[in-house]
Amino acid sequence: MIATIILQAAAGAALGKIGAAIGAAIAAMAAAVGIGKIGKATMESIARQPESAGNMRTSMIIAAGMIEGACLFAIIVCLLAIFM
């Protein structure tokens, strides 16, 4: 009986680690898509109004940094789930 419980716990832990790894991958891909969309929109905006390129570039860098921060937080949470 105890062996069955231990085996079920081990199987659940393995599934948890796989889920955490998939979660980290999804977070990284979502951040890549988000930063790509920001870059695309900024380039289109700069093409329309080249005189305001500096302000748009600054806003783009700030937004990309915020997305990277959220992605990094998600990946760290997933890594903690894997190792704990």
PDB file of N, CA and C in Angstrom:
ATOM      1  N   MET A   1       0.813  -1.190   0.000  1.00  0.00           N
ATOM      2  CA  MET A   1       0.000   0.000   0.000  1.00  0.00           C
ATOM      3  C   MET A   1       0.860   1.259   0.000  1.00  0.00           C
ATOM      4  N   ILE A   2       1.872   1.297   0.828  1.00  0.00           N
ATOM      5  CA  ILE A   2       2.748   2.462   0.880  1.00  0.00           C
ATOM      6  C   ILE A   2       3.526   2.594  -0.426  1.00  0.00           C
ATOM      7  N   ALA A   3       3.935   1.461  -0.997  1.00  0.00           N
ATOM      8  CA  ALA A   3       4.657   1.498  -2.264  1.00  0.00           C
ATOM      9  C   ALA A   3       3.789   2.101  -3.369  1.00  0.00           C
ATOM     10  N   THR A   4       2.512   1.803  -3.358  1.00  0.00           N
ATOM     11  CA  THR A   4       1.590   2.363  -4.351  1.00  0.00           C
ATOM     12  C   THR A   4       1.493   3.870  -4.204  1.00  0.00           C
ATOM     13  N   ILE A   5       1.409   4.330  -2.966  1.00  0.00           N
ATOM     14  CA  ILE A   5       1.321   5.773  -2.713  1.00  0.00           C
ATOM     15  C   ILE A   5       2.596   6.468  -3.168  1.00  0.00           C
ATOM     16  N   ILE A   6       3.752   5.864  -2.890  1.00  0.00           N
ATOM     17  CA  ILE A   6       5.032   6.454  -3.296  1.00  0.00           C
ATOM     18  C   ILE A   6       5.135   6.500  -4.816  1.00  0.00           C
ATOM     19  N   LEU A   7       4.717   5.442  -5.493  1.00  0.00           N
ATOM     20  CA  LEU A   7       4.763   5.423  -6.959  1.00  0.00           C
ATOM     21  C   LEU A   7       3.830   6.477  -7.557  1.00  0.00           C
ATOM     22  N   GLN A   8       2.657   6.646  -6.982  1.00  0.00           N
ATOM     23  CA  GLN A   8       1.734   7.671  -7.481  1.00  0.00           C
ATOM     24  C   GLN A   8       2.289   9.064  -7.252  1.00  0.00           C
ATOM     25  N   ALA A   9       2.928   9.287  -6.119  1.00  0.00           N
ATOM     26  CA  ALA A   9       3.533  10.591  -5.844  1.00  0.00           C
ATOM     27  C   ALA A   9       4.674  10.873  -6.811  1.00  0.00           C
ATOM     28  N   ALA A  10       5.481   9.859  -7.118  1.00  0.00           N
ATOM     29  CA  ALA A  10       6.586  10.036  -8.053  1.00  0.00           C
ATOM     30  C   ALA A  10       6.062  10.343  -9.460  1.00  0.00           C
ATOM     31  N   ALA A  11       5.005   9.661  -9.869  1.00  0.00           N
ATOM     32  CA  ALA A  11       4.426   9.924 -11.186  1.00  0.00           C
ATOM     33  C   ALA A  11       3.844  11.324 -11.239  1.00  0.00           C
ATOM     34  N   GLY A  12       3.197  11.758 -10.161  1.00  0.00           N
ATOM     35  CA  GLY A  12       2.648  13.115 -10.108  1.00  0.00           C
ATOM     36  C   GLY A  12       3.742  14.156 -10.151  1.00  0.00           C
ATOM     37  N   ALA A  13       4.870  13.895  -9.498  1.00  0.00           N
ATOM     38  CA  ALA A  13       5.985  14.839  -9.507  1.00  0.00           C
ATOM     39  C   ALA A  13       6.570  14.954 -10.912  1.00  0.00           C
ATOM     40  N   ALA A  14       6.660  13.836 -11.617  1.00  0.00           N
ATOM     41  CA  ALA A  14       7.192  13.865 -12.980  1.00  0.00           C
ATOM     42  C   ALA A  14       6.277  14.669 -13.895  1.00  0.00           C
ATOM     43  N   LEU A  15       4.971  14.499 -13.746  1.00  0.00           N
ATOM     44  CA  LEU A  15       4.033  15.269 -14.562  1.00  0.00           C
ATOM     45  C   LEU A  15       4.110  16.747 -14.215  1.00  0.00           C
ATOM     46  N   GLY A  16       4.334  17.060 -12.943  1.00  0.00           N
ATOM     47  CA  GLY A  16       4.475  18.446 -12.524  1.00  0.00           C
ATOM     48  C   GLY A  16       5.697  19.099 -13.153  1.00  0.00           C
ATOM     49  N   LYS A  17       6.785  18.347 -13.233  1.00  0.00           N
ATOM     50  CA  LYS A  17       8.008  18.882 -13.838  1.00  0.00           C
ATOM     51  C   LYS A  17       7.822  19.096 -15.341  1.00  0.00           C
ATOM     52  N   ILE A  18       7.135  18.176 -15.980  1.00  0.00           N
ATOM     53  CA  ILE A  18       6.860  18.341 -17.410  1.00  0.00           C
ATOM     54  C   ILE A  18       5.963  19.556 -17.636  1.00  0.00           C
ATOM     55  N   GLY A  19       4.956  19.703 -16.781  1.00  0.00           N
ATOM     56  CA  GLY A  19       4.065  20.864 -16.891  1.00  0.00           C
ATOM     57  C   GLY A  19       4.804  22.170 -16.679  1.00  0.00           C
ATOM     58  N   ALA A  20       5.734  22.190 -15.716  1.00  0.00           N
ATOM     59  CA  ALA A  20       6.515  23.405 -15.465  1.00  0.00           C
ATOM     60  C   ALA A  20       7.415  23.729 -16.651  1.00  0.00           C
ATOM     61  N   ALA A  21       7.998  22.722 -17.255  1.00  0.00           N
ATOM     62  CA  ALA A  21       8.850  22.949 -18.431  1.00  0.00           C
ATOM     63  C   ALA A  21       8.025  23.480 -19.603  1.00  0.00           C
ATOM     64  N   ILE A  22       6.843  22.936 -19.793  1.00  0.00           N
ATOM     65  CA  ILE A  22       5.962  23.424 -20.861  1.00  0.00           C
ATOM     66  C   ILE A  22       5.527  24.849 -20.567  1.00  0.00           C
ATOM     67  N   GLY A  23       5.248  25.145 -19.301  1.00  0.00           N
ATOM     68  CA  GLY A  23       4.870  26.505 -18.916  1.00  0.00           C
ATOM     69  C   GLY A  23       5.977  27.504 -19.197  1.00  0.00           C
ATOM     70  N   ALA A  24       7.224  27.133 -18.908  1.00  0.00           N
ATOM     71  CA  ALA A  24       8.351  28.018 -19.183  1.00  0.00           C
ATOM     72  C   ALA A  24       8.498  28.251 -20.689  1.00  0.00           C
ATOM     73  N   ALA A  25       8.308  27.202 -21.476  1.00  0.00           N
ATOM     74  CA  ALA A  25       8.403  27.342 -22.931  1.00  0.00           C
ATOM     75  C   ALA A  25       7.306  28.240 -23.476  1.00  0.00           C
ATOM     76  N   ILE A  26       6.104  28.091 -22.960  1.00  0.00           N
ATOM     77  CA  ILE A  26       4.994  28.939 -23.413  1.00  0.00           C
ATOM     78  C   ILE A  26       5.247  30.390 -23.042  1.00  0.00           C
ATOM     79  N   ALA A  27       5.775  30.633 -21.842  1.00  0.00           N
ATOM     80  CA  ALA A  27       6.072  32.004 -21.417  1.00  0.00           C
ATOM     81  C   ALA A  27       7.120  32.643 -22.325  1.00  0.00           C
ATOM     82  N   ALA A  28       8.148  31.888 -22.680  1.00  0.00           N
ATOM     83  CA  ALA A  28       9.193  32.424 -23.552  1.00  0.00           C
ATOM     84  C   ALA A  28       8.648  32.709 -24.955  1.00  0.00           C
ATOM     85  N   MET A  29       7.828  31.805 -25.470  1.00  0.00           N
ATOM     86  CA  MET A  29       7.262  32.024 -26.805  1.00  0.00           C
ATOM     87  C   MET A  29       6.296  33.205 -26.814  1.00  0.00           C
ATOM     88  N   ALA A  30       5.505  33.347 -25.767  1.00  0.00           N
ATOM     89  CA  ALA A  30       4.568  34.469 -25.690  1.00  0.00           C
ATOM     90  C   ALA A  30       5.319  35.797 -25.622  1.00  0.00           C
ATOM     91  N   ALA A  31       6.419  35.830 -24.885  1.00  0.00           N
ATOM     92  CA  ALA A  31       7.223  37.051 -24.822  1.00  0.00           C
ATOM     93  C   ALA A  31       7.828  37.371 -26.187  1.00  0.00           C
ATOM     94  N   ALA A  32       8.280  36.363 -26.892  1.00  0.00           N
ATOM     95  CA  ALA A  32       8.856  36.589 -28.217  1.00  0.00           C
ATOM     96  C   ALA A  32       7.809  37.146 -29.181  1.00  0.00           C
ATOM     97  N   VAL A  33       6.610  36.611 -29.133  1.00  0.00           N
ATOM     98  CA  VAL A  33       5.535  37.109 -29.994  1.00  0.00           C
ATOM     99  C   VAL A  33       5.183  38.547 -29.622  1.00  0.00           C
ATOM    100  N   GLY A  34       5.089  38.823 -28.327  1.00  0.00           N
ATOM    101  CA  GLY A  34       4.749  40.176 -27.882  1.00  0.00           C
ATOM    102  C   GLY A  34       5.787  41.201 -28.292  1.00  0.00           C
ATOM    103  N   ILE A  35       7.050  40.879 -28.122  1.00  0.00           N
ATOM    104  CA  ILE A  35       8.109  41.817 -28.507  1.00  0.00           C
ATOM    105  C   ILE A  35       8.141  41.977 -30.024  1.00  0.00           C
ATOM    106  N   GLY A  36       7.860  40.907 -30.750  1.00  0.00           N
ATOM    107  CA  GLY A  36       7.792  41.015 -32.208  1.00  0.00           C
ATOM    108  C   GLY A  36       6.681  41.954 -32.661  1.00  0.00           C
ATOM    109  N   LYS A  37       5.531  41.866 -32.011  1.00  0.00           N
ATOM    110  CA  LYS A  37       4.422  42.763 -32.355  1.00  0.00           C
ATOM    111  C   LYS A  37       4.749  44.206 -32.009  1.00  0.00           C
ATOM    112  N   ILE A  38       5.421  44.419 -30.887  1.00  0.00           N
ATOM    113  CA  ILE A  38       5.814  45.779 -30.518  1.00  0.00           C
ATOM    114  C   ILE A  38       6.784  46.340 -31.558  1.00  0.00           C
ATOM    115  N   GLY A  39       7.763  45.530 -31.950  1.00  0.00           N
ATOM    116  CA  GLY A  39       8.728  45.983 -32.956  1.00  0.00           C
ATOM    117  C   GLY A  39       8.069  46.299 -34.286  1.00  0.00           C
ATOM    118  N   LYS A  40       7.148  45.452 -34.699  1.00  0.00           N
ATOM    119  CA  LYS A  40       6.438  45.669 -35.962  1.00  0.00           C
ATOM    120  C   LYS A  40       5.643  46.967 -35.928  1.00  0.00           C
ATOM    121  N   ALA A  41       4.894  47.164 -34.833  1.00  0.00           N
ATOM    122  CA  ALA A  41       4.079  48.372 -34.731  1.00  0.00           C
ATOM    123  C   ALA A  41       4.942  49.622 -34.671  1.00  0.00           C
ATOM    124  N   THR A  42       6.073  49.530 -33.987  1.00  0.00           N
ATOM    125  CA  THR A  42       6.956  50.695 -33.897  1.00  0.00           C
ATOM    126  C   THR A  42       7.564  51.024 -35.256  1.00  0.00           C
ATOM    127  N   MET A  43       7.984  50.020 -35.986  1.00  0.00           N
ATOM    128  CA  MET A  43       8.561  50.279 -37.313  1.00  0.00           C
ATOM    129  C   MET A  43       7.527  50.886 -38.252  1.00  0.00           C
ATOM    130  N   GLU A  44       6.289  50.417 -38.175  1.00  0.00           N
ATOM    131  CA  GLU A  44       5.233  51.002 -39.005  1.00  0.00           C
ATOM    132  C   GLU A  44       4.966  52.450 -38.611  1.00  0.00           C
ATOM    133  N   SER A  45       4.985  52.716 -37.319  1.00  0.00           N
ATOM    134  CA  SER A  45       4.759  54.085 -36.849  1.00  0.00           C
ATOM    135  C   SER A  45       5.889  55.014 -37.253  1.00  0.00           C
ATOM    136  N   ILE A  46       7.119  54.527 -37.172  1.00  0.00           N
ATOM    137  CA  ILE A  46       8.273  55.342 -37.574  1.00  0.00           C
ATOM    138  C   ILE A  46       8.223  55.604 -39.080  1.00  0.00           C
ATOM    139  N   ALA A  47       7.753  54.628 -39.851  1.00  0.00           N
ATOM    140  CA  ALA A  47       7.640  54.830 -41.299  1.00  0.00           C
ATOM    141  C   ALA A  47       6.618  55.911 -41.621  1.00  0.00           C
ATOM    142  N   ARG A  48       5.559  56.016 -40.820  1.00  0.00           N
ATOM    143  CA  ARG A  48       4.535  57.037 -41.051  1.00  0.00           C
ATOM    144  C   ARG A  48       4.987  58.419 -40.590  1.00  0.00           C
ATOM    145  N   GLN A  49       5.655  58.460 -39.419  1.00  0.00           N
ATOM    146  CA  GLN A  49       6.096  59.743 -38.859  1.00  0.00           C
ATOM    147  C   GLN A  49       7.550  59.645 -38.421  1.00  0.00           C
ATOM    148  N   PRO A  50       8.469  59.808 -39.341  1.00  0.00           N
ATOM    149  CA  PRO A  50       9.896  59.652 -39.008  1.00  0.00           C
ATOM    150  C   PRO A  50      10.407  60.677 -37.997  1.00  0.00           C
ATOM    151  N   GLU A  51       9.754  61.837 -37.904  1.00  0.00           N
ATOM    152  CA  GLU A  51      10.243  62.874 -36.984  1.00  0.00           C
ATOM    153  C   GLU A  51      10.056  62.497 -35.515  1.00  0.00           C
ATOM    154  N   SER A  52       9.177  61.561 -35.211  1.00  0.00           N
ATOM    155  CA  SER A  52       8.965  61.167 -33.814  1.00  0.00           C
ATOM    156  C   SER A  52       9.562  59.786 -33.515  1.00  0.00           C
ATOM    157  N   ALA A  53      10.589  59.412 -34.251  1.00  0.00           N
ATOM    158  CA  ALA A  53      11.193  58.088 -34.092  1.00  0.00           C
ATOM    159  C   ALA A  53      11.819  57.909 -32.710  1.00  0.00           C
ATOM    160  N   GLY A  54      12.431  58.944 -32.173  1.00  0.00           N
ATOM    161  CA  GLY A  54      13.082  58.834 -30.866  1.00  0.00           C
ATOM    162  C   GLY A  54      12.103  58.500 -29.758  1.00  0.00           C
ATOM    163  N   ASN A  55      10.969  59.192 -29.746  1.00  0.00           N
ATOM    164  CA  ASN A  55       9.964  58.928 -28.715  1.00  0.00           C
ATOM    165  C   ASN A  55       9.377  57.530 -28.851  1.00  0.00           C
ATOM    166  N   MET A  56       9.131  57.101 -30.088  1.00  0.00           N
ATOM    167  CA  MET A  56       8.568  55.764 -30.305  1.00  0.00           C
ATOM    168  C   MET A  56       9.558  54.684 -29.910  1.00  0.00           C
ATOM    169  N   ARG A  57      10.834  54.904 -30.225  1.00  0.00           N
ATOM    170  CA  ARG A  57      11.860  53.921 -29.891  1.00  0.00           C
ATOM    171  C   ARG A  57      11.971  53.763 -28.368  1.00  0.00           C
ATOM    172  N   THR A  58      11.910  54.895 -27.662  1.00  0.00           N
ATOM    173  CA  THR A  58      11.981  54.838 -26.203  1.00  0.00           C
ATOM    174  C   THR A  58      10.794  54.074 -25.630  1.00  0.00           C
ATOM    175  N   SER A  59       9.612  54.354 -26.129  1.00  0.00           N
ATOM    176  CA  SER A  59       8.422  53.639 -25.661  1.00  0.00           C
ATOM    177  C   SER A  59       8.503  52.155 -25.974  1.00  0.00           C
ATOM    178  N   MET A  60       9.059  51.824 -27.134  1.00  0.00           N
ATOM    179  CA  MET A  60       9.195  50.424 -27.521  1.00  0.00           C
ATOM    180  C   MET A  60      10.151  49.701 -26.574  1.00  0.00           C
ATOM    181  N   ILE A  61      11.254  50.330 -26.236  1.00  0.00           N
ATOM    182  CA  ILE A  61      12.226  49.692 -25.351  1.00  0.00           C
ATOM    183  C   ILE A  61      11.636  49.482 -23.958  1.00  0.00           C
ATOM    184  N   ILE A  62      10.883  50.454 -23.465  1.00  0.00           N
ATOM    185  CA  ILE A  62      10.249  50.311 -22.150  1.00  0.00           C
ATOM    186  C   ILE A  62       9.230  49.178 -22.165  1.00  0.00           C
ATOM    187  N   ALA A  63       8.389  49.126 -23.189  1.00  0.00           N
ATOM    188  CA  ALA A  63       7.378  48.064 -23.277  1.00  0.00           C
ATOM    189  C   ALA A  63       8.039  46.690 -23.421  1.00  0.00           C
ATOM    190  N   ALA A  64       9.090  46.598 -24.222  1.00  0.00           N
ATOM    191  CA  ALA A  64       9.784  45.313 -24.391  1.00  0.00           C
ATOM    192  C   ALA A  64      10.425  44.879 -23.077  1.00  0.00           C
ATOM    193  N   GLY A  65      10.951  45.827 -22.334  1.00  0.00           N
ATOM    194  CA  GLY A  65      11.539  45.496 -21.036  1.00  0.00           C
ATOM    195  C   GLY A  65      10.505  44.981 -20.048  1.00  0.00           C
ATOM    196  N   MET A  66       9.317  45.570 -20.084  1.00  0.00           N
ATOM    197  CA  MET A  66       8.254  45.103 -19.193  1.00  0.00           C
ATOM    198  C   MET A  66       7.815  43.685 -19.566  1.00  0.00           C
ATOM    199  N   ILE A  67       7.741  43.402 -20.853  1.00  0.00           N
ATOM    200  CA  ILE A  67       7.380  42.045 -21.294  1.00  0.00           C
ATOM    201  C   ILE A  67       8.464  41.058 -20.889  1.00  0.00           C
ATOM    202  N   GLU A  68       9.729  41.438 -21.059  1.00  0.00           N
ATOM    203  CA  GLU A  68      10.832  40.562 -20.667  1.00  0.00           C
ATOM    204  C   GLU A  68      10.810  40.287 -19.170  1.00  0.00           C
ATOM    205  N   GLY A  69      10.470  41.307 -18.383  1.00  0.00           N
ATOM    206  CA  GLY A  69      10.393  41.116 -16.935  1.00  0.00           C
ATOM    207  C   GLY A  69       9.311  40.124 -16.552  1.00  0.00           C
ATOM    208  N   ALA A  70       8.160  40.244 -17.176  1.00  0.00           N
ATOM    209  CA  ALA A  70       7.069  39.305 -16.892  1.00  0.00           C
ATOM    210  C   ALA A  70       7.451  37.893 -17.326  1.00  0.00           C
ATOM    211  N   CYS A  71       8.120  37.783 -18.465  1.00  0.00           N
ATOM    212  CA  CYS A  71       8.552  36.476 -18.956  1.00  0.00           C
ATOM    213  C   CYS A  71       9.589  35.865 -18.023  1.00  0.00           C
ATOM    214  N   LEU A  72      10.534  36.671 -17.582  1.00  0.00           N
ATOM    215  CA  LEU A  72      11.554  36.173 -16.673  1.00  0.00           C
ATOM    216  C   LEU A  72      10.927  35.692 -15.373  1.00  0.00           C
ATOM    217  N   PHE A  73       9.958  36.436 -14.862  1.00  0.00           N
ATOM    218  CA  PHE A  73       9.265  36.025 -13.646  1.00  0.00           C
ATOM    219  C   PHE A  73       8.562  34.685 -13.858  1.00  0.00           C
ATOM    220  N   ALA A  74       7.890  34.525 -14.980  1.00  0.00           N
ATOM    221  CA  ALA A  74       7.186  33.268 -15.270  1.00  0.00           C
ATOM    222  C   ALA A  74       8.156  32.101 -15.390  1.00  0.00           C
ATOM    223  N   ILE A  75       9.284  32.317 -16.036  1.00  0.00           N
ATOM    224  CA  ILE A  75      10.270  31.248 -16.193  1.00  0.00           C
ATOM    225  C   ILE A  75      10.871  30.867 -14.845  1.00  0.00           C
ATOM    226  N   ILE A  76      11.141  31.853 -13.985  1.00  0.00           N
ATOM    227  CA  ILE A  76      11.683  31.553 -12.661  1.00  0.00           C
ATOM    228  C   ILE A  76      10.685  30.748 -11.840  1.00  0.00           C
ATOM    229  N   VAL A  77       9.405  31.111 -11.920  1.00  0.00           N
ATOM    230  CA  VAL A  77       8.384  30.346 -11.196  1.00  0.00           C
ATOM    231  C   VAL A  77       8.347  28.906 -11.712  1.00  0.00           C
ATOM    232  N   CYS A  78       8.440  28.726 -13.005  1.00  0.00           N
ATOM    233  CA  CYS A  78       8.427  27.373 -13.570  1.00  0.00           C
ATOM    234  C   CYS A  78       9.668  26.593 -13.151  1.00  0.00           C
ATOM    235  N   LEU A  79      10.837  27.246 -13.129  1.00  0.00           N
ATOM    236  CA  LEU A  79      12.052  26.569 -12.695  1.00  0.00           C
ATOM    237  C   LEU A  79      11.979  26.194 -11.228  1.00  0.00           C
ATOM    238  N   LEU A  80      11.391  27.053 -10.416  1.00  0.00           N
ATOM    239  CA  LEU A  80      11.211  26.699  -9.005  1.00  0.00           C
ATOM    240  C   LEU A  80      10.287  25.499  -8.866  1.00  0.00           C
ATOM    241  N   ALA A  81       9.281  25.424  -9.715  1.00  0.00           N
ATOM    242  CA  ALA A  81       8.375  24.265  -9.670  1.00  0.00           C
ATOM    243  C   ALA A  81       9.105  22.987 -10.070  1.00  0.00           C
ATOM    244  N   ILE A  82      10.054  23.110 -10.975  1.00  0.00           N
ATOM    245  CA  ILE A  82      10.802  21.924 -11.403  1.00  0.00           C
ATOM    246  C   ILE A  82      11.732  21.433 -10.292  1.00  0.00           C
ATOM    247  N   PHE A  83      12.429  22.357  -9.648  1.00  0.00           N
ATOM    248  CA  PHE A  83      13.448  21.964  -8.679  1.00  0.00           C
ATOM    249  C   PHE A  83      12.955  21.804  -7.250  1.00  0.00           C
ATOM    250  N   MET A  84      11.713  22.159  -6.994  1.00  0.00           N
ATOM    251  CA  MET A  84      11.218  22.014  -5.614  1.00  0.00           C
ATOM    252  C   MET A  84      10.158  20.964  -5.521  1.00  0.00           C
TER     253      MET A  84
END
